[in-house]
Amino acid sequence: QVQLVESGGGLVQAGGSLELSCVASGRTFDLHAMGWFRQAPGKEREFVGTTGSGISTVIADALKGRFTISRDGAKDTVYLQMTNLKPEDTGVYYCAAIQYGTGTYGYWGQGTQVTVSS
C-alpha cells in the first residue's frame, strides 16, 4: 500500500507564488511516476503535471511557464512550484501515483486547497 500526503495549500493573492509538496510512504519502490491534478469548483478534475522514473517531466501546456514540477527521489517527495497565480488556479490540488505495470493513477492523496484571490 502507498499513502500520499499533500501539503502547502493556502490563500494567496493573484500574482503570488506557492509550493505544494507530496510525500509518498509505504511501498514507494512500486511507483513509476507521481503527478498532480486539480479540480476547480464546478469543473472536472484536470491534469497538471507528472514526473517519474524513466519518463520526462511533463506540465500541462496551459500551465507551462508558471508551474514547475520536480521530484526528490531520496525523500519520495514531489513538488509543484506555482508562480504568477491567477484566480482561475483556485481549486483542490491532488497528488497521485502510478504503480509499475498499471499505467494508471491508482493512488491518490486527500488534496490540498489552493485559493487565489483577485
PDB file of N, CA and C in Angstrom:
ATOM      1  N   GLN A   1       0.828  -1.173   0.000  1.00  0.00           N
ATOM      2  CA  GLN A   1       0.000   0.000   0.000  1.00  0.00           C
ATOM      3  C   GLN A   1       0.878   1.245   0.000  1.00  0.00           C
ATOM      4  N   VAL A   2       0.404   2.277  -0.691  1.00  0.00           N
ATOM      5  CA  VAL A   2       1.088   3.558  -0.767  1.00  0.00           C
ATOM      6  C   VAL A   2       0.166   4.632  -0.217  1.00  0.00           C
ATOM      7  N   GLN A   3       0.735   5.514   0.571  1.00  0.00           N
ATOM      8  CA  GLN A   3      -0.001   6.660   1.086  1.00  0.00           C
ATOM      9  C   GLN A   3       0.624   7.937   0.538  1.00  0.00           C
ATOM     10  N   LEU A   4      -0.221   8.868   0.147  1.00  0.00           N
ATOM     11  CA  LEU A   4       0.225  10.145  -0.383  1.00  0.00           C
ATOM     12  C   LEU A   4      -0.367  11.257   0.465  1.00  0.00           C
ATOM     13  N   VAL A   5       0.470  12.187   0.884  1.00  0.00           N
ATOM     14  CA  VAL A   5       0.020  13.295   1.711  1.00  0.00           C
ATOM     15  C   VAL A   5       0.489  14.603   1.101  1.00  0.00           C
ATOM     16  N   GLU A   6      -0.469  15.453   0.726  1.00  0.00           N
ATOM     17  CA  GLU A   6      -0.155  16.758   0.160  1.00  0.00           C
ATOM     18  C   GLU A   6      -0.104  17.811   1.260  1.00  0.00           C
ATOM     19  N   SER A   7       0.654  18.854   1.006  1.00  0.00           N
ATOM     20  CA  SER A   7       0.708  19.985   1.914  1.00  0.00           C
ATOM     21  C   SER A   7       1.129  21.220   1.140  1.00  0.00           C
ATOM     22  N   GLY A   8       0.944  22.376   1.742  1.00  0.00           N
ATOM     23  CA  GLY A   8       1.395  23.620   1.146  1.00  0.00           C
ATOM     24  C   GLY A   8       0.308  24.505   0.587  1.00  0.00           C
ATOM     25  N   GLY A   9      -0.920  24.035   0.574  1.00  0.00           N
ATOM     26  CA  GLY A   9      -2.005  24.853   0.066  1.00  0.00           C
ATOM     27  C   GLY A   9      -2.319  26.006   0.991  1.00  0.00           C
ATOM     28  N   GLY A  10      -3.098  26.946   0.482  1.00  0.00           N
ATOM     29  CA  GLY A  10      -3.466  28.095   1.280  1.00  0.00           C
ATOM     30  C   GLY A  10      -4.096  29.178   0.448  1.00  0.00           C
ATOM     31  N   LEU A  11      -4.225  30.345   1.046  1.00  0.00           N
ATOM     32  CA  LEU A  11      -4.816  31.508   0.398  1.00  0.00           C
ATOM     33  C   LEU A  11      -3.711  32.462  -0.019  1.00  0.00           C
ATOM     34  N   VAL A  12      -3.689  32.818  -1.296  1.00  0.00           N
ATOM     35  CA  VAL A  12      -2.693  33.750  -1.810  1.00  0.00           C
ATOM     36  C   VAL A  12      -3.367  34.768  -2.708  1.00  0.00           C
ATOM     37  N   GLN A  13      -2.729  35.912  -2.867  1.00  0.00           N
ATOM     38  CA  GLN A  13      -3.231  36.935  -3.761  1.00  0.00           C
ATOM     39  C   GLN A  13      -2.782  36.657  -5.189  1.00  0.00           C
ATOM     40  N   ALA A  14      -3.557  37.128  -6.139  1.00  0.00           N
ATOM     41  CA  ALA A  14      -3.188  36.976  -7.543  1.00  0.00           C
ATOM     42  C   ALA A  14      -1.792  37.526  -7.777  1.00  0.00           C
ATOM     43  N   GLY A  15      -1.000  36.777  -8.543  1.00  0.00           N
ATOM     44  CA  GLY A  15       0.375  37.157  -8.803  1.00  0.00           C
ATOM     45  C   GLY A  15       1.366  36.556  -7.835  1.00  0.00           C
ATOM     46  N   GLY A  16       0.877  35.948  -6.786  1.00  0.00           N
ATOM     47  CA  GLY A  16       1.736  35.351  -5.790  1.00  0.00           C
ATOM     48  C   GLY A  16       2.218  33.972  -6.183  1.00  0.00           C
ATOM     49  N   SER A  17       2.988  33.373  -5.295  1.00  0.00           N
ATOM     50  CA  SER A  17       3.572  32.059  -5.537  1.00  0.00           C
ATOM     51  C   SER A  17       3.254  31.114  -4.393  1.00  0.00           C
ATOM     52  N   LEU A  18       3.302  29.832  -4.709  1.00  0.00           N
ATOM     53  CA  LEU A  18       3.017  28.812  -3.717  1.00  0.00           C
ATOM     54  C   LEU A  18       3.718  27.530  -4.132  1.00  0.00           C
ATOM     55  N   GLU A  19       4.201  26.768  -3.159  1.00  0.00           N
ATOM     56  CA  GLU A  19       4.810  25.473  -3.444  1.00  0.00           C
ATOM     57  C   GLU A  19       4.051  24.383  -2.706  1.00  0.00           C
ATOM     58  N   LEU A  20       3.603  23.388  -3.445  1.00  0.00           N
ATOM     59  CA  LEU A  20       2.938  22.238  -2.873  1.00  0.00           C
ATOM     60  C   LEU A  20       3.913  21.074  -2.790  1.00  0.00           C
ATOM     61  N   SER A  21       3.731  20.250  -1.770  1.00  0.00           N
ATOM     62  CA  SER A  21       4.559  19.070  -1.593  1.00  0.00           C
ATOM     63  C   SER A  21       3.676  17.840  -1.469  1.00  0.00           C
ATOM     64  N   CYS A  22       4.200  16.724  -1.928  1.00  0.00           N
ATOM     65  CA  CYS A  22       3.512  15.448  -1.782  1.00  0.00           C
ATOM     66  C   CYS A  22       4.530  14.417  -1.333  1.00  0.00           C
ATOM     67  N   VAL A  23       4.288  13.836  -0.182  1.00  0.00           N
ATOM     68  CA  VAL A  23       5.176  12.825   0.365  1.00  0.00           C
ATOM     69  C   VAL A  23       4.528  11.456   0.242  1.00  0.00           C
ATOM     70  N   ALA A  24       5.246  10.523  -0.363  1.00  0.00           N
ATOM     71  CA  ALA A  24       4.763   9.161  -0.516  1.00  0.00           C
ATOM     72  C   ALA A  24       5.406   8.259   0.523  1.00  0.00           C
ATOM     73  N   SER A  25       4.626   7.357   1.058  1.00  0.00           N
ATOM     74  CA  SER A  25       5.144   6.396   2.021  1.00  0.00           C
ATOM     75  C   SER A  25       4.549   5.023   1.745  1.00  0.00           C
ATOM     76  N   GLY A  26       5.163   4.007   2.313  1.00  0.00           N
ATOM     77  CA  GLY A  26       4.725   2.649   2.061  1.00  0.00           C
ATOM     78  C   GLY A  26       5.597   1.995   1.001  1.00  0.00           C
ATOM     79  N   ARG A  27       4.975   1.285   0.074  1.00  0.00           N
ATOM     80  CA  ARG A  27       5.693   0.572  -0.978  1.00  0.00           C
ATOM     81  C   ARG A  27       6.040   1.511  -2.137  1.00  0.00           C
ATOM     82  N   THR A  28       6.847   2.507  -1.845  1.00  0.00           N
ATOM     83  CA  THR A  28       7.159   3.515  -2.853  1.00  0.00           C
ATOM     84  C   THR A  28       8.015   2.980  -3.990  1.00  0.00           C
ATOM     85  N   PHE A  29       8.702   1.852  -3.773  1.00  0.00           N
ATOM     86  CA  PHE A  29       9.512   1.264  -4.835  1.00  0.00           C
ATOM     87  C   PHE A  29       8.659   0.726  -5.975  1.00  0.00           C
ATOM     88  N   ASP A  30       7.369   0.585  -5.754  1.00  0.00           N
ATOM     89  CA  ASP A  30       6.443   0.133  -6.793  1.00  0.00           C
ATOM     90  C   ASP A  30       5.935   1.273  -7.667  1.00  0.00           C
ATOM     91  N   LEU A  31       6.316   2.503  -7.361  1.00  0.00           N
ATOM     92  CA  LEU A  31       5.781   3.655  -8.066  1.00  0.00           C
ATOM     93  C   LEU A  31       6.604   4.004  -9.296  1.00  0.00           C
ATOM     94  N   HIS A  32       5.922   4.127 -10.422  1.00  0.00           N
ATOM     95  CA  HIS A  32       6.559   4.506 -11.672  1.00  0.00           C
ATOM     96  C   HIS A  32       6.612   6.020 -11.838  1.00  0.00           C
ATOM     97  N   ALA A  33       5.572   6.696 -11.386  1.00  0.00           N
ATOM     98  CA  ALA A  33       5.500   8.142 -11.536  1.00  0.00           C
ATOM     99  C   ALA A  33       4.577   8.737 -10.487  1.00  0.00           C
ATOM    100  N   MET A  34       4.786  10.005 -10.231  1.00  0.00           N
ATOM    101  CA  MET A  34       3.888  10.757  -9.369  1.00  0.00           C
ATOM    102  C   MET A  34       3.493  12.024 -10.103  1.00  0.00           C
ATOM    103  N   GLY A  35       2.264  12.444  -9.893  1.00  0.00           N
ATOM    104  CA  GLY A  35       1.776  13.603 -10.609  1.00  0.00           C
ATOM    105  C   GLY A  35       0.817  14.440  -9.798  1.00  0.00           C
ATOM    106  N   TRP A  36       0.403  15.540 -10.409  1.00  0.00           N
ATOM    107  CA  TRP A  36      -0.518  16.471  -9.790  1.00  0.00           C
ATOM    108  C   TRP A  36      -1.732  16.678 -10.671  1.00  0.00           C
ATOM    109  N   PHE A  37      -2.886  16.746 -10.043  1.00  0.00           N
ATOM    110  CA  PHE A  37      -4.143  17.088 -10.684  1.00  0.00           C
ATOM    111  C   PHE A  37      -4.792  18.188  -9.866  1.00  0.00           C
ATOM    112  N   ARG A  38      -5.766  18.851 -10.450  1.00  0.00           N
ATOM    113  CA  ARG A  38      -6.510  19.854  -9.705  1.00  0.00           C
ATOM    114  C   ARG A  38      -7.958  19.840 -10.144  1.00  0.00           C
ATOM    115  N   GLN A  39      -8.823  20.326  -9.267  1.00  0.00           N
ATOM    116  CA  GLN A  39     -10.238  20.399  -9.570  1.00  0.00           C
ATOM    117  C   GLN A  39     -10.800  21.704  -9.033  1.00  0.00           C
ATOM    118  N   ALA A  40     -11.268  22.533  -9.937  1.00  0.00           N
ATOM    119  CA  ALA A  40     -11.886  23.795  -9.572  1.00  0.00           C
ATOM    120  C   ALA A  40     -13.372  23.584  -9.320  1.00  0.00           C
ATOM    121  N   PRO A  41     -13.996  24.460  -8.539  1.00  0.00           N
ATOM    122  CA  PRO A  41     -15.435  24.322  -8.288  1.00  0.00           C
ATOM    123  C   PRO A  41     -16.230  24.281  -9.588  1.00  0.00           C
ATOM    124  N   GLY A  42     -17.101  23.297  -9.724  1.00  0.00           N
ATOM    125  CA  GLY A  42     -17.941  23.177 -10.897  1.00  0.00           C
ATOM    126  C   GLY A  42     -17.257  22.630 -12.131  1.00  0.00           C
ATOM    127  N   LYS A  43     -16.006  22.223 -12.012  1.00  0.00           N
ATOM    128  CA  LYS A  43     -15.267  21.694 -13.150  1.00  0.00           C
ATOM    129  C   LYS A  43     -14.747  20.298 -12.850  1.00  0.00           C
ATOM    130  N   GLU A  44     -14.429  19.567 -13.908  1.00  0.00           N
ATOM    131  CA  GLU A  44     -13.871  18.236 -13.750  1.00  0.00           C
ATOM    132  C   GLU A  44     -12.398  18.317 -13.380  1.00  0.00           C
ATOM    133  N   ARG A  45     -11.909  17.262 -12.771  1.00  0.00           N
ATOM    134  CA  ARG A  45     -10.511  17.197 -12.413  1.00  0.00           C
ATOM    135  C   ARG A  45      -9.644  17.236 -13.671  1.00  0.00           C
ATOM    136  N   GLU A  46      -8.556  18.001 -13.625  1.00  0.00           N
ATOM    137  CA  GLU A  46      -7.686  18.133 -14.773  1.00  0.00           C
ATOM    138  C   GLU A  46      -6.238  17.837 -14.423  1.00  0.00           C
ATOM    139  N   PHE A  47      -5.497  17.420 -15.421  1.00  0.00           N
ATOM    140  CA  PHE A  47      -4.095  17.077 -15.265  1.00  0.00           C
ATOM    141  C   PHE A  47      -3.249  18.332 -15.149  1.00  0.00           C
ATOM    142  N   VAL A  48      -2.308  18.323 -14.205  1.00  0.00           N
ATOM    143  CA  VAL A  48      -1.384  19.433 -14.020  1.00  0.00           C
ATOM    144  C   VAL A  48       0.014  19.071 -14.501  1.00  0.00           C
ATOM    145  N   GLY A  49       0.548  17.964 -14.016  1.00  0.00           N
ATOM    146  CA  GLY A  49       1.879  17.556 -14.411  1.00  0.00           C
ATOM    147  C   GLY A  49       2.261  16.236 -13.789  1.00  0.00           C
ATOM    148  N   THR A  50       3.370  15.674 -14.270  1.00  0.00           N
ATOM    149  CA  THR A  50       3.840  14.406 -13.736  1.00  0.00           C
ATOM    150  C   THR A  50       5.344  14.283 -13.923  1.00  0.00           C
ATOM    151  N   THR A  51       5.957  13.457 -13.119  1.00  0.00           N
ATOM    152  CA  THR A  51       7.370  13.137 -13.242  1.00  0.00           C
ATOM    153  C   THR A  51       7.595  11.764 -12.639  1.00  0.00           C
ATOM    154  N   GLY A  52       8.664  11.089 -13.073  1.00  0.00           N
ATOM    155  CA  GLY A  52       8.932   9.776 -12.524  1.00  0.00           C
ATOM    156  C   GLY A  52      10.092   9.075 -13.197  1.00  0.00           C
ATOM    157  N   SER A  53      10.313   7.848 -12.784  1.00  0.00           N
ATOM    158  CA  SER A  53      11.412   7.051 -13.294  1.00  0.00           C
ATOM    159  C   SER A  53      11.190   6.668 -14.754  1.00  0.00           C
ATOM    160  N   GLY A  54      12.165   6.999 -15.607  1.00  0.00           N
ATOM    161  CA  GLY A  54      12.112   6.608 -16.998  1.00  0.00           C
ATOM    162  C   GLY A  54      11.190   7.410 -17.885  1.00  0.00           C
ATOM    163  N   ILE A  55      10.631   8.483 -17.376  1.00  0.00           N
ATOM    164  CA  ILE A  55       9.750   9.330 -18.176  1.00  0.00           C
ATOM    165  C   ILE A  55      10.168  10.781 -18.025  1.00  0.00           C
ATOM    166  N   SER A  56       9.775  11.587 -19.002  1.00  0.00           N
ATOM    167  CA  SER A  56      10.069  13.005 -18.960  1.00  0.00           C
ATOM    168  C   SER A  56       9.119  13.712 -18.007  1.00  0.00           C
ATOM    169  N   THR A  57       9.606  14.794 -17.439  1.00  0.00           N
ATOM    170  CA  THR A  57       8.744  15.631 -16.625  1.00  0.00           C
ATOM    171  C   THR A  57       7.811  16.392 -17.554  1.00  0.00           C
ATOM    172  N   VAL A  58       6.526  16.350 -17.252  1.00  0.00           N
ATOM    173  CA  VAL A  58       5.512  16.937 -18.115  1.00  0.00           C
ATOM    174  C   VAL A  58       4.647  17.908 -17.328  1.00  0.00           C
ATOM    175  N   ILE A  59       4.405  19.061 -17.919  1.00  0.00           N
ATOM    176  CA  ILE A  59       3.486  20.046 -17.381  1.00  0.00           C
ATOM    177  C   ILE A  59       2.428  20.319 -18.444  1.00  0.00           C
ATOM    178  N   ALA A  60       1.186  20.425 -18.032  1.00  0.00           N
ATOM    179  CA  ALA A  60       0.116  20.743 -18.967  1.00  0.00           C
ATOM    180  C   ALA A  60       0.462  22.011 -19.733  1.00  0.00           C
ATOM    181  N   ASP A  61       0.168  22.020 -21.038  1.00  0.00           N
ATOM    182  CA  ASP A  61       0.559  23.134 -21.896  1.00  0.00           C
ATOM    183  C   ASP A  61       0.091  24.486 -21.364  1.00  0.00           C
ATOM    184  N   ALA A  62      -1.116  24.536 -20.869  1.00  0.00           N
ATOM    185  CA  ALA A  62      -1.676  25.795 -20.396  1.00  0.00           C
ATOM    186  C   ALA A  62      -0.969  26.331 -19.160  1.00  0.00           C
ATOM    187  N   LEU A  63      -0.213  25.482 -18.482  1.00  0.00           N
ATOM    188  CA  LEU A  63       0.435  25.875 -17.241  1.00  0.00           C
ATOM    189  C   LEU A  63       1.938  26.064 -17.382  1.00  0.00           C
ATOM    190  N   LYS A  64       2.487  25.739 -18.533  1.00  0.00           N
ATOM    191  CA  LYS A  64       3.917  25.898 -18.745  1.00  0.00           C
ATOM    192  C   LYS A  64       4.315  27.362 -18.610  1.00  0.00           C
ATOM    193  N   GLY A  65       5.447  27.572 -17.955  1.00  0.00           N
ATOM    194  CA  GLY A  65       5.915  28.925 -17.720  1.00  0.00           C
ATOM    195  C   GLY A  65       5.523  29.457 -16.370  1.00  0.00           C
ATOM    196  N   ARG A  66       4.495  28.892 -15.763  1.00  0.00           N
ATOM    197  CA  ARG A  66       4.060  29.310 -14.434  1.00  0.00           C
ATOM    198  C   ARG A  66       4.205  28.197 -13.402  1.00  0.00           C
ATOM    199  N   PHE A  67       3.993  26.968 -13.816  1.00  0.00           N
ATOM    200  CA  PHE A  67       4.056  25.826 -12.903  1.00  0.00           C
ATOM    201  C   PHE A  67       5.262  24.964 -13.237  1.00  0.00           C
ATOM    202  N   THR A  68       5.916  24.453 -12.212  1.00  0.00           N
ATOM    203  CA  THR A  68       7.052  23.567 -12.377  1.00  0.00           C
ATOM    204  C   THR A  68       6.918  22.388 -11.425  1.00  0.00           C
ATOM    205  N   ILE A  69       7.188  21.195 -11.936  1.00  0.00           N
ATOM    206  CA  ILE A  69       7.128  20.002 -11.106  1.00  0.00           C
ATOM    207  C   ILE A  69       8.531  19.426 -10.958  1.00  0.00           C
ATOM    208  N   SER A  70       8.839  18.929  -9.773  1.00  0.00           N
ATOM    209  CA  SER A  70      10.139  18.323  -9.522  1.00  0.00           C
ATOM    210  C   SER A  70       9.972  17.180  -8.531  1.00  0.00           C
ATOM    211  N   ARG A  71      11.012  16.350  -8.439  1.00  0.00           N
ATOM    212  CA  ARG A  71      10.940  15.185  -7.563  1.00  0.00           C
ATOM    213  C   ARG A  71      12.236  15.007  -6.790  1.00  0.00           C
ATOM    214  N   ASP A  72      12.095  14.674  -5.525  1.00  0.00           N
ATOM    215  CA  ASP A  72      13.219  14.336  -4.672  1.00  0.00           C
ATOM    216  C   ASP A  72      13.088  12.852  -4.378  1.00  0.00           C
ATOM    217  N   GLY A  73      13.790  12.028  -5.169  1.00  0.00           N
ATOM    218  CA  GLY A  73      13.655  10.589  -5.038  1.00  0.00           C
ATOM    219  C   GLY A  73      14.084  10.050  -3.694  1.00  0.00           C
ATOM    220  N   ALA A  74      15.121  10.646  -3.124  1.00  0.00           N
ATOM    221  CA  ALA A  74      15.619  10.177  -1.844  1.00  0.00           C
ATOM    222  C   ALA A  74      14.582  10.319  -0.735  1.00  0.00           C
ATOM    223  N   LYS A  75      13.700  11.294  -0.883  1.00  0.00           N
ATOM    224  CA  LYS A  75      12.673  11.545   0.128  1.00  0.00           C
ATOM    225  C   LYS A  75      11.282  11.121  -0.329  1.00  0.00           C
ATOM    226  N   ASP A  76      11.195  10.507  -1.535  1.00  0.00           N
ATOM    227  CA  ASP A  76       9.902  10.098  -2.085  1.00  0.00           C
ATOM    228  C   ASP A  76       8.910  11.251  -2.069  1.00  0.00           C
ATOM    229  N   THR A  77       9.374  12.382  -2.542  1.00  0.00           N
ATOM    230  CA  THR A  77       8.591  13.601  -2.500  1.00  0.00           C
ATOM    231  C   THR A  77       8.562  14.274  -3.866  1.00  0.00           C
ATOM    232  N   VAL A  78       7.406  14.780  -4.242  1.00  0.00           N
ATOM    233  CA  VAL A  78       7.285  15.591  -5.444  1.00  0.00           C
ATOM    234  C   VAL A  78       6.802  16.972  -5.040  1.00  0.00           C
ATOM    235  N   TYR A  79       7.188  17.957  -5.841  1.00  0.00           N
ATOM    236  CA  TYR A  79       6.840  19.332  -5.560  1.00  0.00           C
ATOM    237  C   TYR A  79       6.148  19.951  -6.762  1.00  0.00           C
ATOM    238  N   LEU A  80       5.293  20.886  -6.498  1.00  0.00           N
ATOM    239  CA  LEU A  80       4.670  21.682  -7.539  1.00  0.00           C
ATOM    240  C   LEU A  80       4.885  23.143  -7.178  1.00  0.00           C
ATOM    241  N   GLN A  81       5.772  23.805  -7.922  1.00  0.00           N
ATOM    242  CA  GLN A  81       6.022  25.224  -7.713  1.00  0.00           C
ATOM    243  C   GLN A  81       5.106  26.019  -8.637  1.00  0.00           C
ATOM    244  N   MET A  82       4.336  26.905  -8.057  1.00  0.00           N
ATOM    245  CA  MET A  82       3.375  27.692  -8.803  1.00  0.00           C
ATOM    246  C   MET A  82       3.701  29.170  -8.632  1.00  0.00           C
ATOM    247  N   THR A  83       3.787  29.876  -9.745  1.00  0.00           N
ATOM    248  CA  THR A  83       4.083  31.299  -9.728  1.00  0.00           C
ATOM    249  C   THR A  83       3.040  32.054 -10.533  1.00  0.00           C
ATOM    250  N   ASN A  84       3.001  33.367 -10.325  1.00  0.00           N
ATOM    251  CA  ASN A  84       2.043  34.224 -11.010  1.00  0.00           C
ATOM    252  C   ASN A  84       0.644  33.615 -10.965  1.00  0.00           C
ATOM    253  N   LEU A  85       0.224  33.257  -9.785  1.00  0.00           N
ATOM    254  CA  LEU A  85      -1.064  32.594  -9.621  1.00  0.00           C
ATOM    255  C   LEU A  85      -2.222  33.503 -10.010  1.00  0.00           C
ATOM    256  N   LYS A  86      -3.236  32.880 -10.578  1.00  0.00           N
ATOM    257  CA  LYS A  86      -4.423  33.577 -11.043  1.00  0.00           C
ATOM    258  C   LYS A  86      -5.650  33.019 -10.343  1.00  0.00           C
ATOM    259  N   PRO A  87      -6.722  33.797 -10.259  1.00  0.00           N
ATOM    260  CA  PRO A  87      -7.945  33.289  -9.616  1.00  0.00           C
ATOM    261  C   PRO A  87      -8.427  31.969 -10.201  1.00  0.00           C
ATOM    262  N   GLU A  88      -8.243  31.757 -11.496  1.00  0.00           N
ATOM    263  CA  GLU A  88      -8.681  30.519 -12.115  1.00  0.00           C
ATOM    264  C   GLU A  88      -7.849  29.309 -11.700  1.00  0.00           C
ATOM    265  N   ASP A  89      -6.754  29.541 -10.985  1.00  0.00           N
ATOM    266  CA  ASP A  89      -5.961  28.442 -10.443  1.00  0.00           C
ATOM    267  C   ASP A  89      -6.563  27.892  -9.160  1.00  0.00           C
ATOM    268  N   THR A  90      -7.570  28.553  -8.646  1.00  0.00           N
ATOM    269  CA  THR A  90      -8.216  28.118  -7.414  1.00  0.00           C
ATOM    270  C   THR A  90      -8.811  26.722  -7.573  1.00  0.00           C
ATOM    271  N   GLY A  91      -8.604  25.889  -6.575  1.00  0.00           N
ATOM    272  CA  GLY A  91      -9.164  24.555  -6.601  1.00  0.00           C
ATOM    273  C   GLY A  91      -8.469  23.653  -5.604  1.00  0.00           C
ATOM    274  N   VAL A  92      -8.886  22.414  -5.601  1.00  0.00           N
ATOM    275  CA  VAL A  92      -8.242  21.408  -4.767  1.00  0.00           C
ATOM    276  C   VAL A  92      -7.188  20.710  -5.607  1.00  0.00           C
ATOM    277  N   TYR A  93      -5.977  20.682  -5.109  1.00  0.00           N
ATOM    278  CA  TYR A  93      -4.865  20.058  -5.817  1.00  0.00           C
ATOM    279  C   TYR A  93      -4.575  18.697  -5.208  1.00  0.00           C
ATOM    280  N   TYR A  94      -4.525  17.688  -6.069  1.00  0.00           N
ATOM    281  CA  TYR A  94      -4.331  16.318  -5.639  1.00  0.00           C
ATOM    282  C   TYR A  94      -3.013  15.752  -6.140  1.00  0.00           C
ATOM    283  N   CYS A  95      -2.352  15.014  -5.296  1.00  0.00           N
ATOM    284  CA  CYS A  95      -1.192  14.232  -5.676  1.00  0.00           C
ATOM    285  C   CYS A  95      -1.660  12.829  -6.032  1.00  0.00           C
ATOM    286  N   ALA A  96      -1.073  12.244  -7.069  1.00  0.00           N
ATOM    287  CA  ALA A  96      -1.438  10.898  -7.487  1.00  0.00           C
ATOM    288  C   ALA A  96      -0.193  10.142  -7.931  1.00  0.00           C
ATOM    289  N   ALA A  97      -0.260   8.820  -7.897  1.00  0.00           N
ATOM    290  CA  ALA A  97       0.886   7.993  -8.245  1.00  0.00           C
ATOM    291  C   ALA A  97       0.483   6.824  -9.119  1.00  0.00           C
ATOM    292  N   ILE A  98       1.391   6.469 -10.037  1.00  0.00           N
ATOM    293  CA  ILE A  98       1.197   5.334 -10.936  1.00  0.00           C
ATOM    294  C   ILE A  98       2.041   4.176 -10.454  1.00  0.00           C
ATOM    295  N   GLN A  99       1.426   3.039 -10.286  1.00  0.00           N
ATOM    296  CA  GLN A  99       2.139   1.831  -9.898  1.00  0.00           C
ATOM    297  C   GLN A  99       2.707   1.152 -11.140  1.00  0.00           C
ATOM    298  N   TYR A 100       3.908   0.603 -11.013  1.00  0.00           N
ATOM    299  CA  TYR A 100       4.514  -0.129 -12.118  1.00  0.00           C
ATOM    300  C   TYR A 100       3.574  -1.201 -12.631  1.00  0.00           C
ATOM    301  N   GLY A 101       3.433  -1.257 -13.957  1.00  0.00           N
ATOM    302  CA  GLY A 101       2.623  -2.287 -14.588  1.00  0.00           C
ATOM    303  C   GLY A 101       1.165  -1.940 -14.767  1.00  0.00           C
ATOM    304  N   THR A 102       0.719  -0.820 -14.249  1.00  0.00           N
ATOM    305  CA  THR A 102      -0.693  -0.463 -14.348  1.00  0.00           C
ATOM    306  C   THR A 102      -0.958   0.624 -15.377  1.00  0.00           C
ATOM    307  N   GLY A 103      -0.105   1.626 -15.444  1.00  0.00           N
ATOM    308  CA  GLY A 103      -0.304   2.737 -16.363  1.00  0.00           C
ATOM    309  C   GLY A 103      -1.417   3.680 -15.958  1.00  0.00           C
ATOM    310  N   THR A 104      -1.919   3.530 -14.755  1.00  0.00           N
ATOM    311  CA  THR A 104      -2.998   4.377 -14.273  1.00  0.00           C
ATOM    312  C   THR A 104      -2.658   4.943 -12.904  1.00  0.00           C
ATOM    313  N   TYR A 105      -3.293   6.052 -12.575  1.00  0.00           N
ATOM    314  CA  TYR A 105      -3.094   6.669 -11.264  1.00  0.00           C
ATOM    315  C   TYR A 105      -3.960   5.949 -10.246  1.00  0.00           C
ATOM    316  N   GLY A 106      -3.380   4.960  -9.594  1.00  0.00           N
ATOM    317  CA  GLY A 106      -4.127   4.148  -8.655  1.00  0.00           C
ATOM    318  C   GLY A 106      -4.099   4.636  -7.225  1.00  0.00           C
ATOM    319  N   TYR A 107      -3.211   5.558  -6.919  1.00  0.00           N
ATOM    320  CA  TYR A 107      -3.101   6.095  -5.572  1.00  0.00           C
ATOM    321  C   TYR A 107      -3.338   7.596  -5.604  1.00  0.00           C
ATOM    322  N   TRP A 108      -4.098   8.074  -4.629  1.00  0.00           N
ATOM    323  CA  TRP A 108      -4.450   9.490  -4.562  1.00  0.00           C
ATOM    324  C   TRP A 108      -4.334  10.003  -3.143  1.00  0.00           C
ATOM    325  N   GLY A 109      -3.885  11.245  -3.024  1.00  0.00           N
ATOM    326  CA  GLY A 109      -3.892  11.914  -1.742  1.00  0.00           C
ATOM    327  C   GLY A 109      -5.247  12.527  -1.469  1.00  0.00           C
ATOM    328  N   GLN A 110      -5.386  13.141  -0.313  1.00  0.00           N
ATOM    329  CA  GLN A 110      -6.656  13.744   0.083  1.00  0.00           C
ATOM    330  C   GLN A 110      -6.883  15.117  -0.532  1.00  0.00           C
ATOM    331  N   GLY A 111      -5.835  15.727  -1.045  1.00  0.00           N
ATOM    332  CA  GLY A 111      -5.944  17.025  -1.671  1.00  0.00           C
ATOM    333  C   GLY A 111      -5.608  18.159  -0.727  1.00  0.00           C
ATOM    334  N   THR A 112      -5.178  19.265  -1.304  1.00  0.00           N
ATOM    335  CA  THR A 112      -4.899  20.471  -0.539  1.00  0.00           C
ATOM    336  C   THR A 112      -5.509  21.658  -1.273  1.00  0.00           C
ATOM    337  N   GLN A 113      -6.186  22.512  -0.542  1.00  0.00           N
ATOM    338  CA  GLN A 113      -6.917  23.624  -1.139  1.00  0.00           C
ATOM    339  C   GLN A 113      -5.985  24.781  -1.469  1.00  0.00           C
ATOM    340  N   VAL A 114      -6.110  25.273  -2.689  1.00  0.00           N
ATOM    341  CA  VAL A 114      -5.410  26.478  -3.122  1.00  0.00           C
ATOM    342  C   VAL A 114      -6.459  27.503  -3.517  1.00  0.00           C
ATOM    343  N   THR A 115      -6.416  28.655  -2.885  1.00  0.00           N
ATOM    344  CA  THR A 115      -7.353  29.721  -3.193  1.00  0.00           C
ATOM    345  C   THR A 115      -6.576  30.976  -3.566  1.00  0.00           C
ATOM    346  N   VAL A 116      -6.863  31.500  -4.746  1.00  0.00           N
ATOM    347  CA  VAL A 116      -6.186  32.692  -5.240  1.00  0.00           C
ATOM    348  C   VAL A 116      -7.202  33.825  -5.303  1.00  0.00           C
ATOM    349  N   SER A 117      -6.967  34.868  -4.548  1.00  0.00           N
ATOM    350  CA  SER A 117      -7.877  35.997  -4.507  1.00  0.00           C
ATOM    351  C   SER A 117      -7.508  37.025  -5.571  1.00  0.00           C
ATOM    352  N   SER A 118      -8.504  37.727  -6.072  1.00  0.00           N
ATOM    353  CA  SER A 118      -8.298  38.733  -7.097  1.00  0.00           C
ATOM    354  C   SER A 118      -8.312  40.127  -6.515  1.00  0.00           C
TER     355      SER A 118
END
